[in-house]
Amino acid sequence: MTRRWNSSHLRLAALLAVIAVEVMVAVTSTWMVVAARGRVVDAAGIPDDAPRTMIVLGAKVSDDEVGVYLRARLDVAVAAYRVGRVDMILASGNDGDDAGNEVRVMRAYLEQRGVPAHAIEDDRLGLNTNATCRRARTLYDIESATIVTQNFHVARAVTLCRAWGIDVVGVVAPCDQCSILSLVRNQLREALASRPRAVFDALRAGR
């Protein structure tokens, strides 16, 4: 009897846990979508009146080479600068040795493709999206900006920067070379971990 009771309660606990996760994912995802509504464009659709500062979020680098996600983001910034849509690029990432010196690699990539050094600002302590948005507003005094990242990430980036008081437009960087497996993995991580944490960060922003 005890074993049967324990087994039934374990199944119930597991079911409740699954339901709780599903509710959390639904609520946080809905919050992000609502917060970003009307504030996301694709790379080819940056409006003429968009902010002149562009924030590029860091991502994986290896052996002084940008990874596919970061390359796509930086290419958007280069293209926007070349056509005069952007005057200043904030390269934000983890510039520690253990992270491959993301910002140094980002700056080198931009300069090699014609973006002048004076048009690039380095944020070497953009350790995560919330830190990037917080530092952009409080340290670099950015009041309005575009922010570049991939589709799975853009709603969270817009939500957090808005929470820190930045009038922001999210720009989706295409990632044709990104593997399906990595995209699925990032989508799952975004839904199960990153977005729930972002809600907490957004509620605490500015306090």
N, C-alpha and C. Protein backbone atom coordinates (compact mmCIF):
# COMPACT_ATOMS: atom_id res chain seq x y z
N MET A 1 0.82 -1.20 0.00
CA MET A 1 0.00 0.00 0.00
C MET A 1 0.87 1.26 0.00
N THR A 2 1.91 1.24 0.85
CA THR A 2 2.80 2.40 0.93
C THR A 2 3.50 2.63 -0.39
N ARG A 3 3.97 1.51 -1.01
CA ARG A 3 4.65 1.65 -2.29
C ARG A 3 3.71 2.22 -3.35
N ARG A 4 2.45 1.72 -3.35
CA ARG A 4 1.48 2.20 -4.32
C ARG A 4 1.21 3.69 -4.08
N TRP A 5 1.10 4.08 -2.82
CA TRP A 5 0.84 5.48 -2.47
C TRP A 5 2.00 6.35 -2.91
N ASN A 6 3.22 5.90 -2.64
CA ASN A 6 4.39 6.68 -3.03
C ASN A 6 4.48 6.81 -4.54
N SER A 7 4.19 5.73 -5.24
CA SER A 7 4.27 5.75 -6.70
C SER A 7 3.25 6.72 -7.29
N SER A 8 2.04 6.70 -6.78
CA SER A 8 1.01 7.60 -7.31
C SER A 8 1.34 9.05 -7.02
N HIS A 9 1.90 9.30 -5.84
CA HIS A 9 2.26 10.67 -5.51
C HIS A 9 3.45 11.17 -6.31
N LEU A 10 4.36 10.27 -6.61
CA LEU A 10 5.49 10.66 -7.46
C LEU A 10 5.02 11.02 -8.86
N ARG A 11 4.07 10.23 -9.37
CA ARG A 11 3.53 10.54 -10.70
C ARG A 11 2.81 11.88 -10.68
N LEU A 12 2.06 12.13 -9.61
CA LEU A 12 1.35 13.40 -9.49
C LEU A 12 2.33 14.57 -9.40
N ALA A 13 3.39 14.37 -8.60
CA ALA A 13 4.39 15.43 -8.47
C ALA A 13 5.07 15.72 -9.81
N ALA A 14 5.36 14.65 -10.54
CA ALA A 14 5.98 14.83 -11.86
C ALA A 14 5.05 15.57 -12.81
N LEU A 15 3.77 15.21 -12.77
CA LEU A 15 2.79 15.87 -13.63
C LEU A 15 2.67 17.35 -13.28
N LEU A 16 2.62 17.65 -11.98
CA LEU A 16 2.52 19.04 -11.55
C LEU A 16 3.76 19.84 -11.95
N ALA A 17 4.92 19.19 -11.88
CA ALA A 17 6.16 19.86 -12.28
C ALA A 17 6.14 20.19 -13.76
N VAL A 18 5.67 19.25 -14.56
CA VAL A 18 5.57 19.49 -16.01
C VAL A 18 4.61 20.64 -16.30
N ILE A 19 3.48 20.63 -15.61
CA ILE A 19 2.49 21.70 -15.81
C ILE A 19 3.08 23.05 -15.40
N ALA A 20 3.81 23.06 -14.28
CA ALA A 20 4.41 24.31 -13.81
C ALA A 20 5.41 24.86 -14.83
N VAL A 21 6.21 23.97 -15.40
CA VAL A 21 7.18 24.40 -16.42
C VAL A 21 6.47 24.94 -17.64
N GLU A 22 5.41 24.26 -18.07
CA GLU A 22 4.66 24.71 -19.25
C GLU A 22 4.04 26.09 -19.01
N VAL A 23 3.50 26.30 -17.81
CA VAL A 23 2.91 27.59 -17.48
C VAL A 23 3.99 28.67 -17.47
N MET A 24 5.13 28.36 -16.85
CA MET A 24 6.22 29.32 -16.79
C MET A 24 6.69 29.72 -18.18
N VAL A 25 6.86 28.73 -19.05
CA VAL A 25 7.30 29.00 -20.42
C VAL A 25 6.28 29.86 -21.15
N ALA A 26 5.00 29.52 -21.00
CA ALA A 26 3.95 30.27 -21.69
C ALA A 26 3.89 31.72 -21.21
N VAL A 27 3.95 31.91 -19.89
CA VAL A 27 3.84 33.26 -19.33
C VAL A 27 5.03 34.11 -19.72
N THR A 28 6.24 33.58 -19.54
CA THR A 28 7.43 34.39 -19.84
C THR A 28 7.55 34.67 -21.33
N SER A 29 7.23 33.69 -22.15
CA SER A 29 7.31 33.90 -23.60
C SER A 29 6.30 34.95 -24.05
N THR A 30 5.09 34.89 -23.48
CA THR A 30 4.07 35.88 -23.83
C THR A 30 4.51 37.27 -23.42
N TRP A 31 5.07 37.39 -22.23
CA TRP A 31 5.56 38.68 -21.74
C TRP A 31 6.59 39.24 -22.72
N MET A 32 7.55 38.43 -23.14
CA MET A 32 8.59 38.91 -24.05
C MET A 32 8.00 39.35 -25.39
N VAL A 33 7.09 38.55 -25.91
CA VAL A 33 6.49 38.87 -27.21
C VAL A 33 5.73 40.19 -27.13
N VAL A 34 4.97 40.39 -26.06
CA VAL A 34 4.20 41.62 -25.90
C VAL A 34 5.14 42.82 -25.75
N ALA A 35 6.19 42.67 -24.95
CA ALA A 35 7.13 43.77 -24.72
C ALA A 35 7.85 44.18 -26.00
N ALA A 36 8.08 43.21 -26.88
CA ALA A 36 8.83 43.48 -28.11
C ALA A 36 7.93 43.78 -29.31
N ARG A 37 6.63 43.71 -29.12
CA ARG A 37 5.71 43.88 -30.25
C ARG A 37 5.91 45.25 -30.91
N GLY A 38 6.05 45.24 -32.23
CA GLY A 38 6.23 46.47 -32.98
C GLY A 38 7.62 47.05 -32.90
N ARG A 39 8.54 46.32 -32.26
CA ARG A 39 9.90 46.83 -32.06
C ARG A 39 10.96 45.90 -32.63
N VAL A 40 10.57 45.03 -33.53
CA VAL A 40 11.52 44.09 -34.12
C VAL A 40 11.42 44.17 -35.64
N VAL A 41 12.58 44.29 -36.29
CA VAL A 41 12.64 44.34 -37.75
C VAL A 41 13.72 43.38 -38.22
N ASP A 42 13.65 43.01 -39.50
CA ASP A 42 14.75 42.20 -40.02
C ASP A 42 15.87 43.13 -40.48
N ALA A 43 17.00 42.54 -40.81
CA ALA A 43 18.19 43.33 -41.11
C ALA A 43 18.00 44.26 -42.29
N ALA A 44 17.16 43.86 -43.23
CA ALA A 44 16.92 44.69 -44.42
C ALA A 44 15.85 45.75 -44.18
N GLY A 45 15.22 45.69 -43.03
CA GLY A 45 14.09 46.59 -42.78
C GLY A 45 14.33 47.63 -41.71
N ILE A 46 15.59 47.96 -41.43
CA ILE A 46 15.88 49.00 -40.44
C ILE A 46 15.34 50.33 -40.96
N PRO A 47 14.43 50.97 -40.26
CA PRO A 47 13.83 52.21 -40.76
C PRO A 47 14.81 53.37 -40.79
N ASP A 48 14.53 54.33 -41.65
CA ASP A 48 15.42 55.49 -41.78
C ASP A 48 15.52 56.28 -40.49
N ASP A 49 14.45 56.28 -39.70
CA ASP A 49 14.45 57.06 -38.46
C ASP A 49 14.86 56.24 -37.24
N ALA A 50 15.46 55.08 -37.48
CA ALA A 50 15.92 54.24 -36.36
C ALA A 50 17.05 54.94 -35.62
N PRO A 51 17.25 54.63 -34.34
CA PRO A 51 18.36 55.22 -33.59
C PRO A 51 19.70 55.01 -34.29
N ARG A 52 20.61 55.94 -34.10
CA ARG A 52 21.89 55.92 -34.81
C ARG A 52 22.95 55.10 -34.09
N THR A 53 22.64 54.62 -32.90
CA THR A 53 23.55 53.74 -32.17
C THR A 53 23.07 52.31 -32.30
N MET A 54 23.98 51.40 -32.58
CA MET A 54 23.63 49.98 -32.71
C MET A 54 24.42 49.17 -31.69
N ILE A 55 23.71 48.38 -30.90
CA ILE A 55 24.35 47.49 -29.94
C ILE A 55 24.45 46.10 -30.56
N VAL A 56 25.66 45.56 -30.59
CA VAL A 56 25.88 44.20 -31.09
C VAL A 56 26.22 43.32 -29.90
N LEU A 57 25.39 42.32 -29.66
CA LEU A 57 25.60 41.42 -28.53
C LEU A 57 26.64 40.36 -28.88
N GLY A 58 27.56 40.14 -27.96
CA GLY A 58 28.62 39.16 -28.19
C GLY A 58 28.10 37.74 -28.21
N ALA A 59 28.91 36.87 -28.75
CA ALA A 59 28.61 35.43 -28.81
C ALA A 59 29.95 34.71 -28.97
N LYS A 60 29.88 33.43 -29.18
CA LYS A 60 31.07 32.59 -29.17
C LYS A 60 32.12 33.02 -30.18
N VAL A 61 33.37 33.07 -29.70
CA VAL A 61 34.53 33.22 -30.58
C VAL A 61 35.50 32.09 -30.26
N SER A 62 36.33 31.75 -31.23
CA SER A 62 37.29 30.67 -31.03
C SER A 62 38.54 30.95 -31.84
N ASP A 63 39.69 30.93 -31.16
CA ASP A 63 40.97 31.17 -31.83
C ASP A 63 40.95 32.47 -32.63
N ASP A 64 40.43 33.52 -32.00
CA ASP A 64 40.36 34.85 -32.61
C ASP A 64 39.47 34.92 -33.84
N GLU A 65 38.57 33.96 -33.98
CA GLU A 65 37.62 33.96 -35.09
C GLU A 65 36.19 34.00 -34.53
N VAL A 66 35.35 34.80 -35.17
CA VAL A 66 33.96 34.88 -34.71
C VAL A 66 33.21 33.61 -35.11
N GLY A 67 32.27 33.20 -34.25
CA GLY A 67 31.42 32.07 -34.59
C GLY A 67 30.30 32.50 -35.53
N VAL A 68 29.50 31.55 -35.96
CA VAL A 68 28.49 31.85 -36.98
C VAL A 68 27.43 32.84 -36.47
N TYR A 69 27.05 32.73 -35.21
CA TYR A 69 26.04 33.64 -34.68
C TYR A 69 26.59 35.07 -34.61
N LEU A 70 27.79 35.20 -34.09
CA LEU A 70 28.37 36.53 -33.95
C LEU A 70 28.70 37.13 -35.31
N ARG A 71 29.17 36.32 -36.24
CA ARG A 71 29.47 36.84 -37.58
C ARG A 71 28.22 37.44 -38.21
N ALA A 72 27.10 36.75 -38.07
CA ALA A 72 25.85 37.26 -38.65
C ALA A 72 25.47 38.60 -38.03
N ARG A 73 25.65 38.74 -36.72
CA ARG A 73 25.31 40.00 -36.05
C ARG A 73 26.24 41.12 -36.51
N LEU A 74 27.51 40.83 -36.58
CA LEU A 74 28.47 41.85 -36.99
C LEU A 74 28.28 42.26 -38.44
N ASP A 75 27.92 41.31 -39.28
CA ASP A 75 27.67 41.64 -40.69
C ASP A 75 26.50 42.61 -40.83
N VAL A 76 25.49 42.46 -39.98
CA VAL A 76 24.38 43.41 -39.99
C VAL A 76 24.89 44.81 -39.62
N ALA A 77 25.74 44.88 -38.60
CA ALA A 77 26.28 46.18 -38.18
C ALA A 77 27.13 46.81 -39.28
N VAL A 78 27.96 46.02 -39.93
CA VAL A 78 28.80 46.53 -41.02
C VAL A 78 27.93 47.09 -42.14
N ALA A 79 26.92 46.33 -42.54
CA ALA A 79 26.04 46.76 -43.63
C ALA A 79 25.31 48.04 -43.25
N ALA A 80 24.83 48.12 -42.01
CA ALA A 80 24.11 49.31 -41.57
C ALA A 80 25.02 50.53 -41.54
N TYR A 81 26.26 50.34 -41.14
CA TYR A 81 27.20 51.46 -41.12
C TYR A 81 27.52 51.93 -42.54
N ARG A 82 27.70 50.99 -43.43
CA ARG A 82 28.06 51.35 -44.81
C ARG A 82 26.99 52.18 -45.51
N VAL A 83 25.73 51.92 -45.20
CA VAL A 83 24.66 52.66 -45.86
C VAL A 83 24.21 53.87 -45.04
N GLY A 84 24.92 54.16 -43.97
CA GLY A 84 24.64 55.36 -43.20
C GLY A 84 23.50 55.28 -42.22
N ARG A 85 23.08 54.07 -41.88
CA ARG A 85 22.00 53.92 -40.91
C ARG A 85 22.51 53.98 -39.46
N VAL A 86 23.81 53.84 -39.29
CA VAL A 86 24.40 53.77 -37.96
C VAL A 86 25.63 54.66 -37.90
N ASP A 87 25.76 55.39 -36.80
CA ASP A 87 26.95 56.23 -36.58
C ASP A 87 27.90 55.61 -35.56
N MET A 88 27.35 54.88 -34.60
CA MET A 88 28.15 54.31 -33.52
C MET A 88 27.72 52.87 -33.25
N ILE A 89 28.69 52.00 -33.06
CA ILE A 89 28.43 50.59 -32.76
C ILE A 89 29.00 50.27 -31.38
N LEU A 90 28.15 49.80 -30.49
CA LEU A 90 28.61 49.33 -29.18
C LEU A 90 28.81 47.83 -29.27
N ALA A 91 30.07 47.41 -29.23
CA ALA A 91 30.40 45.98 -29.26
C ALA A 91 30.45 45.50 -27.82
N SER A 92 29.48 44.69 -27.43
CA SER A 92 29.33 44.32 -26.03
C SER A 92 29.45 42.81 -25.86
N GLY A 93 30.35 42.41 -24.97
CA GLY A 93 30.52 40.98 -24.73
C GLY A 93 31.46 40.74 -23.56
N ASN A 94 31.81 39.50 -23.40
CA ASN A 94 32.74 39.07 -22.36
C ASN A 94 34.14 39.08 -22.94
N ASP A 95 34.95 40.03 -22.49
CA ASP A 95 36.29 40.16 -23.07
C ASP A 95 37.36 39.45 -22.26
N GLY A 96 36.93 38.54 -21.37
CA GLY A 96 37.89 37.79 -20.60
C GLY A 96 38.62 36.75 -21.44
N ASP A 97 39.80 36.38 -20.99
CA ASP A 97 40.58 35.37 -21.72
C ASP A 97 39.82 34.06 -21.85
N ASP A 98 39.07 33.70 -20.80
CA ASP A 98 38.35 32.43 -20.83
C ASP A 98 37.20 32.43 -21.82
N ALA A 99 36.78 33.62 -22.27
CA ALA A 99 35.70 33.74 -23.26
C ALA A 99 36.24 34.04 -24.65
N GLY A 100 37.56 34.03 -24.79
CA GLY A 100 38.15 34.25 -26.11
C GLY A 100 38.28 35.71 -26.49
N ASN A 101 38.17 36.62 -25.49
CA ASN A 101 38.28 38.05 -25.79
C ASN A 101 37.28 38.49 -26.86
N GLU A 102 36.02 38.27 -26.57
CA GLU A 102 34.96 38.53 -27.54
C GLU A 102 35.03 39.93 -28.13
N VAL A 103 35.16 40.93 -27.28
CA VAL A 103 35.07 42.31 -27.76
C VAL A 103 36.26 42.67 -28.64
N ARG A 104 37.43 42.22 -28.27
CA ARG A 104 38.61 42.48 -29.10
C ARG A 104 38.43 41.87 -30.48
N VAL A 105 37.90 40.67 -30.53
CA VAL A 105 37.67 39.99 -31.81
C VAL A 105 36.57 40.71 -32.60
N MET A 106 35.54 41.17 -31.90
CA MET A 106 34.47 41.91 -32.57
C MET A 106 34.99 43.20 -33.19
N ARG A 107 35.78 43.94 -32.44
CA ARG A 107 36.34 45.19 -32.97
C ARG A 107 37.21 44.91 -34.19
N ALA A 108 38.06 43.90 -34.11
CA ALA A 108 38.93 43.58 -35.25
C ALA A 108 38.11 43.24 -36.48
N TYR A 109 37.05 42.48 -36.30
CA TYR A 109 36.19 42.09 -37.42
C TYR A 109 35.56 43.32 -38.06
N LEU A 110 35.05 44.22 -37.24
CA LEU A 110 34.41 45.42 -37.76
C LEU A 110 35.41 46.32 -38.49
N GLU A 111 36.58 46.53 -37.89
CA GLU A 111 37.57 47.40 -38.52
C GLU A 111 38.08 46.82 -39.83
N GLN A 112 38.25 45.51 -39.89
CA GLN A 112 38.72 44.87 -41.12
C GLN A 112 37.73 45.04 -42.26
N ARG A 113 36.49 45.33 -41.92
CA ARG A 113 35.45 45.49 -42.95
C ARG A 113 35.03 46.94 -43.14
N GLY A 114 35.88 47.84 -42.68
CA GLY A 114 35.71 49.24 -43.03
C GLY A 114 35.06 50.13 -42.01
N VAL A 115 34.70 49.60 -40.85
CA VAL A 115 34.14 50.46 -39.81
C VAL A 115 35.31 51.13 -39.08
N PRO A 116 35.38 52.46 -39.06
CA PRO A 116 36.51 53.13 -38.42
C PRO A 116 36.52 52.93 -36.91
N ALA A 117 37.72 52.97 -36.35
CA ALA A 117 37.89 52.71 -34.92
C ALA A 117 37.05 53.67 -34.07
N HIS A 118 36.95 54.93 -34.50
CA HIS A 118 36.23 55.91 -33.69
C HIS A 118 34.72 55.67 -33.67
N ALA A 119 34.23 54.81 -34.56
CA ALA A 119 32.79 54.52 -34.61
C ALA A 119 32.43 53.28 -33.80
N ILE A 120 33.41 52.73 -33.09
CA ILE A 120 33.19 51.51 -32.30
C ILE A 120 33.48 51.81 -30.83
N GLU A 121 32.54 51.46 -29.98
CA GLU A 121 32.72 51.58 -28.53
C GLU A 121 32.80 50.17 -27.97
N ASP A 122 33.78 49.93 -27.10
CA ASP A 122 33.97 48.60 -26.51
C ASP A 122 33.30 48.51 -25.14
N ASP A 123 32.43 47.54 -24.97
CA ASP A 123 31.90 47.20 -23.65
C ASP A 123 32.43 45.82 -23.30
N ARG A 124 33.49 45.80 -22.53
CA ARG A 124 34.18 44.55 -22.25
C ARG A 124 33.54 43.74 -21.13
N LEU A 125 32.53 44.29 -20.50
CA LEU A 125 31.88 43.57 -19.39
C LEU A 125 30.40 43.33 -19.67
N GLY A 126 30.06 43.17 -20.94
CA GLY A 126 28.70 42.79 -21.29
C GLY A 126 28.56 41.28 -21.15
N LEU A 127 28.56 40.81 -19.93
CA LEU A 127 28.66 39.38 -19.65
C LEU A 127 27.39 38.61 -19.99
N ASN A 128 26.28 39.32 -20.07
CA ASN A 128 25.01 38.72 -20.49
C ASN A 128 24.13 39.84 -21.02
N THR A 129 22.97 39.50 -21.52
CA THR A 129 22.11 40.50 -22.16
C THR A 129 21.68 41.57 -21.17
N ASN A 130 21.33 41.18 -19.97
CA ASN A 130 20.92 42.16 -18.97
C ASN A 130 22.05 43.12 -18.64
N ALA A 131 23.26 42.59 -18.48
CA ALA A 131 24.41 43.45 -18.19
C ALA A 131 24.67 44.42 -19.34
N THR A 132 24.54 43.95 -20.56
CA THR A 132 24.73 44.83 -21.72
C THR A 132 23.75 45.99 -21.69
N CYS A 133 22.47 45.69 -21.48
CA CYS A 133 21.46 46.74 -21.46
C CYS A 133 21.67 47.70 -20.29
N ARG A 134 21.98 47.15 -19.13
CA ARG A 134 22.22 47.99 -17.96
C ARG A 134 23.39 48.93 -18.18
N ARG A 135 24.49 48.40 -18.70
CA ARG A 135 25.68 49.21 -18.91
C ARG A 135 25.49 50.21 -20.05
N ALA A 136 24.75 49.80 -21.07
CA ALA A 136 24.49 50.72 -22.18
C ALA A 136 23.77 51.97 -21.67
N ARG A 137 22.83 51.78 -20.77
CA ARG A 137 22.07 52.92 -20.25
C ARG A 137 22.82 53.68 -19.17
N THR A 138 23.39 52.98 -18.21
CA THR A 138 23.95 53.65 -17.03
C THR A 138 25.40 54.08 -17.21
N LEU A 139 26.15 53.38 -18.04
CA LEU A 139 27.56 53.71 -18.21
C LEU A 139 27.82 54.47 -19.51
N TYR A 140 27.19 54.03 -20.59
CA TYR A 140 27.42 54.67 -21.89
C TYR A 140 26.35 55.70 -22.23
N ASP A 141 25.39 55.88 -21.34
CA ASP A 141 24.37 56.92 -21.47
C ASP A 141 23.59 56.81 -22.79
N ILE A 142 23.30 55.59 -23.20
CA ILE A 142 22.54 55.36 -24.43
C ILE A 142 21.05 55.40 -24.11
N GLU A 143 20.34 56.32 -24.73
CA GLU A 143 18.91 56.47 -24.50
C GLU A 143 18.07 55.77 -25.57
N SER A 144 18.63 55.61 -26.75
CA SER A 144 17.92 54.93 -27.83
C SER A 144 18.94 54.18 -28.68
N ALA A 145 18.54 53.03 -29.20
CA ALA A 145 19.48 52.20 -29.96
C ALA A 145 18.74 51.13 -30.73
N THR A 146 19.42 50.57 -31.70
CA THR A 146 19.02 49.28 -32.25
C THR A 146 19.89 48.23 -31.58
N ILE A 147 19.38 47.01 -31.49
CA ILE A 147 20.16 45.93 -30.88
C ILE A 147 20.06 44.70 -31.77
N VAL A 148 21.19 44.11 -32.08
CA VAL A 148 21.26 43.05 -33.09
C VAL A 148 21.51 41.69 -32.44
N THR A 149 20.66 40.73 -32.79
CA THR A 149 20.85 39.36 -32.34
C THR A 149 19.98 38.45 -33.20
N GLN A 150 19.97 37.16 -32.88
CA GLN A 150 19.15 36.24 -33.67
C GLN A 150 17.69 36.25 -33.22
N ASN A 151 16.85 35.64 -34.03
CA ASN A 151 15.41 35.68 -33.81
C ASN A 151 15.00 35.10 -32.46
N PHE A 152 15.63 34.01 -32.03
CA PHE A 152 15.24 33.36 -30.77
C PHE A 152 15.55 34.23 -29.56
N HIS A 153 16.42 35.22 -29.74
CA HIS A 153 16.95 36.01 -28.64
C HIS A 153 16.42 37.44 -28.63
N VAL A 154 15.90 37.90 -29.77
CA VAL A 154 15.65 39.33 -29.94
C VAL A 154 14.57 39.86 -29.00
N ALA A 155 13.51 39.10 -28.73
CA ALA A 155 12.45 39.58 -27.84
C ALA A 155 12.99 39.82 -26.44
N ARG A 156 13.84 38.93 -25.97
CA ARG A 156 14.43 39.09 -24.63
C ARG A 156 15.35 40.31 -24.59
N ALA A 157 16.14 40.50 -25.63
CA ALA A 157 17.04 41.66 -25.68
C ALA A 157 16.25 42.97 -25.66
N VAL A 158 15.18 43.02 -26.43
CA VAL A 158 14.35 44.23 -26.46
C VAL A 158 13.69 44.46 -25.10
N THR A 159 13.16 43.39 -24.51
CA THR A 159 12.49 43.51 -23.21
C THR A 159 13.43 44.05 -22.15
N LEU A 160 14.63 43.51 -22.08
CA LEU A 160 15.58 43.93 -21.04
C LEU A 160 16.06 45.36 -21.26
N CYS A 161 16.36 45.72 -22.50
CA CYS A 161 16.81 47.09 -22.74
C CYS A 161 15.70 48.10 -22.47
N ARG A 162 14.47 47.75 -22.80
CA ARG A 162 13.36 48.63 -22.46
C ARG A 162 13.21 48.77 -20.95
N ALA A 163 13.43 47.68 -20.23
CA ALA A 163 13.33 47.73 -18.77
C ALA A 163 14.35 48.68 -18.18
N TRP A 164 15.49 48.81 -18.84
CA TRP A 164 16.54 49.73 -18.38
C TRP A 164 16.37 51.14 -18.94
N GLY A 165 15.28 51.39 -19.63
CA GLY A 165 14.98 52.75 -20.08
C GLY A 165 15.52 53.12 -21.44
N ILE A 166 15.88 52.14 -22.25
CA ILE A 166 16.38 52.42 -23.59
C ILE A 166 15.23 52.26 -24.59
N ASP A 167 15.05 53.25 -25.43
CA ASP A 167 14.08 53.16 -26.52
C ASP A 167 14.75 52.35 -27.62
N VAL A 168 14.37 51.10 -27.74
CA VAL A 168 15.16 50.16 -28.54
C VAL A 168 14.34 49.52 -29.65
N VAL A 169 15.04 49.24 -30.75
CA VAL A 169 14.48 48.47 -31.86
C VAL A 169 15.35 47.23 -32.03
N GLY A 170 14.75 46.06 -32.01
CA GLY A 170 15.50 44.82 -32.21
C GLY A 170 15.67 44.52 -33.68
N VAL A 171 16.87 44.15 -34.06
CA VAL A 171 17.17 43.80 -35.45
C VAL A 171 17.56 42.32 -35.50
N VAL A 172 16.85 41.56 -36.31
CA VAL A 172 17.10 40.12 -36.40
C VAL A 172 18.22 39.86 -37.40
N ALA A 173 19.29 39.26 -36.91
CA ALA A 173 20.39 38.86 -37.78
C ALA A 173 20.10 37.48 -38.35
N PRO A 174 20.13 37.32 -39.66
CA PRO A 174 19.92 35.99 -40.23
C PRO A 174 21.07 35.07 -39.85
N CYS A 175 20.83 33.79 -39.89
CA CYS A 175 21.91 32.85 -39.56
C CYS A 175 21.78 31.62 -40.43
N ASP A 176 22.00 31.80 -41.71
CA ASP A 176 21.85 30.70 -42.67
C ASP A 176 22.84 29.57 -42.42
N GLN A 177 23.98 29.90 -41.80
CA GLN A 177 25.00 28.88 -41.57
C GLN A 177 24.88 28.22 -40.21
N CYS A 178 23.91 28.64 -39.41
CA CYS A 178 23.71 28.03 -38.10
C CYS A 178 23.07 26.66 -38.28
N SER A 179 23.57 25.69 -37.54
CA SER A 179 23.03 24.33 -37.66
C SER A 179 21.66 24.23 -37.01
N ILE A 180 20.84 23.33 -37.53
CA ILE A 180 19.51 23.11 -36.96
C ILE A 180 19.62 22.70 -35.50
N LEU A 181 20.59 21.85 -35.19
CA LEU A 181 20.76 21.38 -33.82
C LEU A 181 21.05 22.53 -32.87
N SER A 182 21.94 23.43 -33.27
CA SER A 182 22.28 24.55 -32.38
C SER A 182 21.11 25.51 -32.24
N LEU A 183 20.34 25.70 -33.31
CA LEU A 183 19.17 26.56 -33.23
C LEU A 183 18.13 25.98 -32.28
N VAL A 184 17.89 24.67 -32.37
CA VAL A 184 16.93 24.02 -31.47
C VAL A 184 17.42 24.11 -30.03
N ARG A 185 18.70 23.86 -29.82
CA ARG A 185 19.26 23.93 -28.47
C ARG A 185 19.10 25.34 -27.89
N ASN A 186 19.36 26.35 -28.70
CA ASN A 186 19.23 27.73 -28.23
C ASN A 186 17.77 28.09 -27.95
N GLN A 187 16.87 27.60 -28.79
CA GLN A 187 15.45 27.86 -28.55
C GLN A 187 15.00 27.26 -27.22
N LEU A 188 15.44 26.03 -26.95
CA LEU A 188 15.06 25.38 -25.69
C LEU A 188 15.65 26.11 -24.49
N ARG A 189 16.90 26.47 -24.58
CA ARG A 189 17.53 27.20 -23.47
C ARG A 189 16.85 28.54 -23.25
N GLU A 190 16.49 29.18 -24.34
CA GLU A 190 15.80 30.47 -24.24
C GLU A 190 14.48 30.33 -23.51
N ALA A 191 13.69 29.33 -23.89
CA ALA A 191 12.36 29.15 -23.30
C ALA A 191 12.42 28.69 -21.85
N LEU A 192 13.33 27.76 -21.56
CA LEU A 192 13.34 27.12 -20.24
C LEU A 192 14.16 27.86 -19.20
N ALA A 193 15.15 28.62 -19.62
CA ALA A 193 16.04 29.25 -18.65
C ALA A 193 16.18 30.76 -18.84
N SER A 194 16.53 31.18 -20.04
CA SER A 194 16.88 32.58 -20.25
C SER A 194 15.70 33.53 -20.08
N ARG A 195 14.55 33.18 -20.65
CA ARG A 195 13.40 34.08 -20.53
C ARG A 195 12.86 34.17 -19.11
N PRO A 196 12.72 33.06 -18.38
CA PRO A 196 12.28 33.19 -16.98
C PRO A 196 13.22 34.07 -16.16
N ARG A 197 14.51 33.91 -16.36
CA ARG A 197 15.45 34.77 -15.62
C ARG A 197 15.31 36.22 -16.06
N ALA A 198 15.07 36.45 -17.35
CA ALA A 198 14.95 37.81 -17.86
C ALA A 198 13.77 38.55 -17.24
N VAL A 199 12.69 37.83 -16.97
CA VAL A 199 11.54 38.46 -16.31
C VAL A 199 11.96 38.99 -14.95
N PHE A 200 12.69 38.19 -14.20
CA PHE A 200 13.19 38.61 -12.89
C PHE A 200 14.11 39.82 -13.04
N ASP A 201 15.02 39.77 -14.02
CA ASP A 201 15.95 40.88 -14.24
C ASP A 201 15.20 42.15 -14.64
N ALA A 202 14.19 42.01 -15.48
CA ALA A 202 13.43 43.18 -15.93
C ALA A 202 12.69 43.83 -14.77
N LEU A 203 12.14 43.02 -13.88
CA LEU A 203 11.42 43.56 -12.74
C LEU A 203 12.34 44.30 -11.78
N ARG A 204 13.61 43.90 -11.74
CA ARG A 204 14.57 44.52 -10.84
C ARG A 204 15.34 45.66 -11.49
N ALA A 205 15.20 45.87 -12.78
CA ALA A 205 15.98 46.87 -13.50
C ALA A 205 15.76 48.26 -12.91
N GLY A 206 16.88 48.95 -12.71
CA GLY A 206 16.82 50.33 -12.23
C GLY A 206 16.68 50.48 -10.73
N ARG A 207 16.56 49.37 -10.02
CA ARG A 207 16.40 49.48 -8.56
C ARG A 207 17.76 49.63 -7.88
